Amino acid sequence: MKLVRDKVWAQVGLQIRDQVGAQVRNQVWDQVWAQVWAQVWDQVDAQVDAQVWLQVEDQIQEAE
């Protein structure tokens, strides 16, 4: 009887480990992806803003 119980608990333990592991991996991935995306977006946004302002300044100077 102990052998059957041990096998059942081992199987349940594996299933719990797999499910918890998958949830943790997904949460970590979501957090890391959100942080990376925010950093990339901020850098791209800053570069685009800088380029746009340079072009606007150039056009204003040409118009004067």
PDB file of N, CA and C in Angstrom:
ATOM      1  N   MET A   1       0.821  -1.206   0.000  1.00  0.00           N
ATOM      2  CA  MET A   1       0.000   0.000   0.000  1.00  0.00           C
ATOM      3  C   MET A   1       0.857   1.259   0.000  1.00  0.00           C
ATOM      4  N   LYS A   2       1.949   1.217   0.729  1.00  0.00           N
ATOM      5  CA  LYS A   2       2.833   2.366   0.791  1.00  0.00           C
ATOM      6  C   LYS A   2       3.402   2.691  -0.591  1.00  0.00           C
ATOM      7  N   LEU A   3       3.703   1.680  -1.353  1.00  0.00           N
ATOM      8  CA  LEU A   3       4.277   1.875  -2.676  1.00  0.00           C
ATOM      9  C   LEU A   3       3.316   2.643  -3.589  1.00  0.00           C
ATOM     10  N   VAL A   4       2.030   2.300  -3.550  1.00  0.00           N
ATOM     11  CA  VAL A   4       1.030   2.991  -4.373  1.00  0.00           C
ATOM     12  C   VAL A   4       0.918   4.444  -3.925  1.00  0.00           C
ATOM     13  N   ARG A   5       0.845   4.662  -2.617  1.00  0.00           N
ATOM     14  CA  ARG A   5       0.735   6.023  -2.082  1.00  0.00           C
ATOM     15  C   ARG A   5       1.955   6.850  -2.490  1.00  0.00           C
ATOM     16  N   ASP A   6       3.130   6.282  -2.386  1.00  0.00           N
ATOM     17  CA  ASP A   6       4.352   6.984  -2.746  1.00  0.00           C
ATOM     18  C   ASP A   6       4.361   7.363  -4.230  1.00  0.00           C
ATOM     19  N   LYS A   7       3.906   6.452  -5.068  1.00  0.00           N
ATOM     20  CA  LYS A   7       3.848   6.747  -6.498  1.00  0.00           C
ATOM     21  C   LYS A   7       2.856   7.867  -6.788  1.00  0.00           C
ATOM     22  N   VAL A   8       1.694   7.820  -6.123  1.00  0.00           N
ATOM     23  CA  VAL A   8       0.682   8.865  -6.324  1.00  0.00           C
ATOM     24  C   VAL A   8       1.246  10.217  -5.875  1.00  0.00           C
ATOM     25  N   TRP A   9       1.855  10.267  -4.695  1.00  0.00           N
ATOM     26  CA  TRP A   9       2.414  11.523  -4.190  1.00  0.00           C
ATOM     27  C   TRP A   9       3.547  12.017  -5.088  1.00  0.00           C
ATOM     28  N   ALA A  10       4.330  11.121  -5.598  1.00  0.00           N
ATOM     29  CA  ALA A  10       5.414  11.514  -6.507  1.00  0.00           C
ATOM     30  C   ALA A  10       4.832  12.129  -7.777  1.00  0.00           C
ATOM     31  N   GLN A  11       3.789  11.521  -8.318  1.00  0.00           N
ATOM     32  CA  GLN A  11       3.155  12.043  -9.534  1.00  0.00           C
ATOM     33  C   GLN A  11       2.510  13.401  -9.269  1.00  0.00           C
ATOM     34  N   VAL A  12       1.811  13.513  -8.137  1.00  0.00           N
ATOM     35  CA  VAL A  12       1.183  14.786  -7.776  1.00  0.00           C
ATOM     36  C   VAL A  12       2.265  15.857  -7.596  1.00  0.00           C
ATOM     37  N   GLY A  13       3.348  15.484  -6.945  1.00  0.00           N
ATOM     38  CA  GLY A  13       4.446  16.429  -6.750  1.00  0.00           C
ATOM     39  C   GLY A  13       5.020  16.918  -8.066  1.00  0.00           C
ATOM     40  N   LEU A  14       5.180  16.026  -9.032  1.00  0.00           N
ATOM     41  CA  LEU A  14       5.682  16.418 -10.350  1.00  0.00           C
ATOM     42  C   LEU A  14       4.715  17.363 -11.056  1.00  0.00           C
ATOM     43  N   GLN A  15       3.429  17.054 -10.954  1.00  0.00           N
ATOM     44  CA  GLN A  15       2.436  17.910 -11.597  1.00  0.00           C
ATOM     45  C   GLN A  15       2.414  19.303 -10.969  1.00  0.00           C
ATOM     46  N   ILE A  16       2.474  19.355  -9.649  1.00  0.00           N
ATOM     47  CA  ILE A  16       2.490  20.649  -8.958  1.00  0.00           C
ATOM     48  C   ILE A  16       3.748  21.424  -9.339  1.00  0.00           C
ATOM     49  N   ARG A  17       4.891  20.743  -9.340  1.00  0.00           N
ATOM     50  CA  ARG A  17       6.150  21.396  -9.699  1.00  0.00           C
ATOM     51  C   ARG A  17       6.071  21.973 -11.117  1.00  0.00           C
ATOM     52  N   ASP A  18       5.538  21.190 -12.038  1.00  0.00           N
ATOM     53  CA  ASP A  18       5.429  21.642 -13.424  1.00  0.00           C
ATOM     54  C   ASP A  18       4.488  22.845 -13.550  1.00  0.00           C
ATOM     55  N   GLN A  19       3.352  22.788 -12.868  1.00  0.00           N
ATOM     56  CA  GLN A  19       2.385  23.880 -12.956  1.00  0.00           C
ATOM     57  C   GLN A  19       2.923  25.157 -12.310  1.00  0.00           C
ATOM     58  N   VAL A  20       3.487  25.017 -11.128  1.00  0.00           N
ATOM     59  CA  VAL A  20       4.039  26.193 -10.446  1.00  0.00           C
ATOM     60  C   VAL A  20       5.215  26.746 -11.240  1.00  0.00           C
ATOM     61  N   GLY A  21       6.051  25.848 -11.728  1.00  0.00           N
ATOM     62  CA  GLY A  21       7.186  26.290 -12.532  1.00  0.00           C
ATOM     63  C   GLY A  21       6.745  27.059 -13.765  1.00  0.00           C
ATOM     64  N   ALA A  22       5.713  26.562 -14.436  1.00  0.00           N
ATOM     65  CA  ALA A  22       5.203  27.245 -15.630  1.00  0.00           C
ATOM     66  C   ALA A  22       4.637  28.617 -15.270  1.00  0.00           C
ATOM     67  N   GLN A  23       3.915  28.706 -14.166  1.00  0.00           N
ATOM     68  CA  GLN A  23       3.342  29.992 -13.750  1.00  0.00           C
ATOM     69  C   GLN A  23       4.445  30.990 -13.405  1.00  0.00           C
ATOM     70  N   VAL A  24       5.453  30.528 -12.678  1.00  0.00           N
ATOM     71  CA  VAL A  24       6.550  31.417 -12.303  1.00  0.00           C
ATOM     72  C   VAL A  24       7.308  31.872 -13.549  1.00  0.00           C
ATOM     73  N   ARG A  25       7.596  30.925 -14.455  1.00  0.00           N
ATOM     74  CA  ARG A  25       8.291  31.300 -15.691  1.00  0.00           C
ATOM     75  C   ARG A  25       7.488  32.338 -16.474  1.00  0.00           C
ATOM     76  N   ASN A  26       6.183  32.137 -16.578  1.00  0.00           N
ATOM     77  CA  ASN A  26       5.339  33.078 -17.324  1.00  0.00           C
ATOM     78  C   ASN A  26       5.330  34.460 -16.668  1.00  0.00           C
ATOM     79  N   GLN A  27       5.224  34.487 -15.353  1.00  0.00           N
ATOM     80  CA  GLN A  27       5.206  35.768 -14.654  1.00  0.00           C
ATOM     81  C   GLN A  27       6.537  36.493 -14.798  1.00  0.00           C
ATOM     82  N   VAL A  28       7.620  35.758 -14.643  1.00  0.00           N
ATOM     83  CA  VAL A  28       8.943  36.377 -14.789  1.00  0.00           C
ATOM     84  C   VAL A  28       9.125  36.874 -16.210  1.00  0.00           C
ATOM     85  N   TRP A  29       8.752  36.060 -17.184  1.00  0.00           N
ATOM     86  CA  TRP A  29       8.879  36.472 -18.589  1.00  0.00           C
ATOM     87  C   TRP A  29       8.075  37.740 -18.850  1.00  0.00           C
ATOM     88  N   ASP A  30       6.832  37.784 -18.352  1.00  0.00           N
ATOM     89  CA  ASP A  30       5.988  38.966 -18.559  1.00  0.00           C
ATOM     90  C   ASP A  30       6.624  40.212 -17.946  1.00  0.00           C
ATOM     91  N   GLN A  31       7.167  40.074 -16.744  1.00  0.00           N
ATOM     92  CA  GLN A  31       7.782  41.220 -16.076  1.00  0.00           C
ATOM     93  C   GLN A  31       9.043  41.678 -16.807  1.00  0.00           C
ATOM     94  N   VAL A  32       9.878  40.722 -17.180  1.00  0.00           N
ATOM     95  CA  VAL A  32      11.113  41.070 -17.883  1.00  0.00           C
ATOM     96  C   VAL A  32      10.777  41.702 -19.232  1.00  0.00           C
ATOM     97  N   TRP A  33       9.862  41.121 -19.958  1.00  0.00           N
ATOM     98  CA  TRP A  33       9.482  41.649 -21.265  1.00  0.00           C
ATOM     99  C   TRP A  33       8.930  43.068 -21.128  1.00  0.00           C
ATOM    100  N   ALA A  34       8.094  43.291 -20.122  1.00  0.00           N
ATOM    101  CA  ALA A  34       7.523  44.627 -19.911  1.00  0.00           C
ATOM    102  C   ALA A  34       8.631  45.641 -19.620  1.00  0.00           C
ATOM    103  N   GLN A  35       9.608  45.264 -18.804  1.00  0.00           N
ATOM    104  CA  GLN A  35      10.702  46.177 -18.480  1.00  0.00           C
ATOM    105  C   GLN A  35      11.573  46.457 -19.700  1.00  0.00           C
ATOM    106  N   VAL A  36      11.900  45.414 -20.433  1.00  0.00           N
ATOM    107  CA  VAL A  36      12.731  45.590 -21.631  1.00  0.00           C
ATOM    108  C   VAL A  36      11.999  46.457 -22.645  1.00  0.00           C
ATOM    109  N   TRP A  37      10.727  46.171 -22.868  1.00  0.00           N
ATOM    110  CA  TRP A  37       9.953  46.939 -23.835  1.00  0.00           C
ATOM    111  C   TRP A  37       9.880  48.409 -23.410  1.00  0.00           C
ATOM    112  N   ALA A  38       9.666  48.666 -22.125  1.00  0.00           N
ATOM    113  CA  ALA A  38       9.588  50.045 -21.640  1.00  0.00           C
ATOM    114  C   ALA A  38      10.913  50.767 -21.867  1.00  0.00           C
ATOM    115  N   GLN A  39      12.022  50.100 -21.599  1.00  0.00           N
ATOM    116  CA  GLN A  39      13.335  50.729 -21.801  1.00  0.00           C
ATOM    117  C   GLN A  39      13.586  51.007 -23.288  1.00  0.00           C
ATOM    118  N   VAL A  40      13.288  50.030 -24.117  1.00  0.00           N
ATOM    119  CA  VAL A  40      13.482  50.217 -25.560  1.00  0.00           C
ATOM    120  C   VAL A  40      12.593  51.348 -26.060  1.00  0.00           C
ATOM    121  N   TRP A  41      11.357  51.353 -25.645  1.00  0.00           N
ATOM    122  CA  TRP A  41      10.425  52.391 -26.082  1.00  0.00           C
ATOM    123  C   TRP A  41      10.914  53.766 -25.651  1.00  0.00           C
ATOM    124  N   ASP A  42      11.377  53.881 -24.400  1.00  0.00           N
ATOM    125  CA  ASP A  42      11.871  55.171 -23.913  1.00  0.00           C
ATOM    126  C   ASP A  42      13.065  55.644 -24.744  1.00  0.00           C
ATOM    127  N   GLN A  43      13.967  54.742 -25.074  1.00  0.00           N
ATOM    128  CA  GLN A  43      15.145  55.120 -25.862  1.00  0.00           C
ATOM    129  C   GLN A  43      14.746  55.541 -27.278  1.00  0.00           C
ATOM    130  N   VAL A  44      13.890  54.764 -27.897  1.00  0.00           N
ATOM    131  CA  VAL A  44      13.447  55.092 -29.253  1.00  0.00           C
ATOM    132  C   VAL A  44      12.684  56.421 -29.244  1.00  0.00           C
ATOM    133  N   ASP A  45      11.819  56.584 -28.282  1.00  0.00           N
ATOM    134  CA  ASP A  45      11.026  57.811 -28.174  1.00  0.00           C
ATOM    135  C   ASP A  45      11.938  59.025 -27.996  1.00  0.00           C
ATOM    136  N   ALA A  46      12.941  58.909 -27.150  1.00  0.00           N
ATOM    137  CA  ALA A  46      13.870  60.016 -26.918  1.00  0.00           C
ATOM    138  C   ALA A  46      14.656  60.338 -28.189  1.00  0.00           C
ATOM    139  N   GLN A  47      15.099  59.318 -28.896  1.00  0.00           N
ATOM    140  CA  GLN A  47      15.851  59.542 -30.130  1.00  0.00           C
ATOM    141  C   GLN A  47      14.982  60.185 -31.210  1.00  0.00           C
ATOM    142  N   VAL A  48      13.776  59.708 -31.334  1.00  0.00           N
ATOM    143  CA  VAL A  48      12.862  60.276 -32.334  1.00  0.00           C
ATOM    144  C   VAL A  48      12.549  61.726 -31.983  1.00  0.00           C
ATOM    145  N   ASP A  49      12.255  61.985 -30.709  1.00  0.00           N
ATOM    146  CA  ASP A  49      11.989  63.361 -30.289  1.00  0.00           C
ATOM    147  C   ASP A  49      13.163  64.272 -30.615  1.00  0.00           C
ATOM    148  N   ALA A  50      14.367  63.819 -30.309  1.00  0.00           N
ATOM    149  CA  ALA A  50      15.559  64.619 -30.573  1.00  0.00           C
ATOM    150  C   ALA A  50      15.702  64.897 -32.066  1.00  0.00           C
ATOM    151  N   GLN A  51      15.503  63.891 -32.887  1.00  0.00           N
ATOM    152  CA  GLN A  51      15.619  64.070 -34.339  1.00  0.00           C
ATOM    153  C   GLN A  51      14.545  65.024 -34.871  1.00  0.00           C
ATOM    154  N   VAL A  52      13.342  64.889 -34.382  1.00  0.00           N
ATOM    155  CA  VAL A  52      12.255  65.763 -34.832  1.00  0.00           C
ATOM    156  C   VAL A  52      12.572  67.205 -34.467  1.00  0.00           C
ATOM    157  N   TRP A  53      13.015  67.436 -33.243  1.00  0.00           N
ATOM    158  CA  TRP A  53      13.323  68.803 -32.829  1.00  0.00           C
ATOM    159  C   TRP A  53      14.480  69.379 -33.638  1.00  0.00           C
ATOM    160  N   LEU A  54      15.474  68.563 -33.953  1.00  0.00           N
ATOM    161  CA  LEU A  54      16.573  69.044 -34.792  1.00  0.00           C
ATOM    162  C   LEU A  54      16.072  69.456 -36.175  1.00  0.00           C
ATOM    163  N   GLN A  55      15.191  68.663 -36.739  1.00  0.00           N
ATOM    164  CA  GLN A  55      14.638  68.989 -38.050  1.00  0.00           C
ATOM    165  C   GLN A  55      13.782  70.250 -37.999  1.00  0.00           C
ATOM    166  N   VAL A  56      12.999  70.392 -36.939  1.00  0.00           N
ATOM    167  CA  VAL A  56      12.167  71.589 -36.780  1.00  0.00           C
ATOM    168  C   VAL A  56      13.063  72.819 -36.655  1.00  0.00           C
ATOM    169  N   GLU A  57      14.105  72.728 -35.840  1.00  0.00           N
ATOM    170  CA  GLU A  57      15.027  73.850 -35.684  1.00  0.00           C
ATOM    171  C   GLU A  57      15.694  74.198 -37.012  1.00  0.00           C
ATOM    172  N   ASP A  58      16.101  73.181 -37.766  1.00  0.00           N
ATOM    173  CA  ASP A  58      16.720  73.423 -39.076  1.00  0.00           C
ATOM    174  C   ASP A  58      15.754  74.148 -40.004  1.00  0.00           C
ATOM    175  N   GLN A  59      14.510  73.732 -40.016  1.00  0.00           N
ATOM    176  CA  GLN A  59      13.533  74.359 -40.904  1.00  0.00           C
ATOM    177  C   GLN A  59      13.235  75.798 -40.473  1.00  0.00           C
ATOM    178  N   ILE A  60      13.229  76.039 -39.176  1.00  0.00           N
ATOM    179  CA  ILE A  60      12.987  77.393 -38.687  1.00  0.00           C
ATOM    180  C   ILE A  60      14.151  78.298 -39.091  1.00  0.00           C
ATOM    181  N   GLN A  61      15.376  77.795 -38.936  1.00  0.00           N
ATOM    182  CA  GLN A  61      16.542  78.575 -39.288  1.00  0.00           C
ATOM    183  C   GLN A  61      16.584  78.866 -40.805  1.00  0.00           C
ATOM    184  N   GLU A  62      16.182  77.890 -41.586  1.00  0.00           N
ATOM    185  CA  GLU A  62      16.155  78.082 -43.053  1.00  0.00           C
ATOM    186  C   GLU A  62      15.107  79.108 -43.446  1.00  0.00           C
ATOM    187  N   ALA A  63      14.002  79.151 -42.704  1.00  0.00           N
ATOM    188  CA  ALA A  63      12.913  80.064 -43.017  1.00  0.00           C
ATOM    189  C   ALA A  63      13.250  81.512 -42.635  1.00  0.00           C
ATOM    190  N   GLU A  64      14.169  81.673 -41.725  1.00  0.00           N
ATOM    191  CA  GLU A  64      14.488  83.036 -41.251  1.00  0.00           C
ATOM    192  C   GLU A  64      15.292  83.792 -42.219  1.00  0.00           C
TER     193      GLU A  64
END
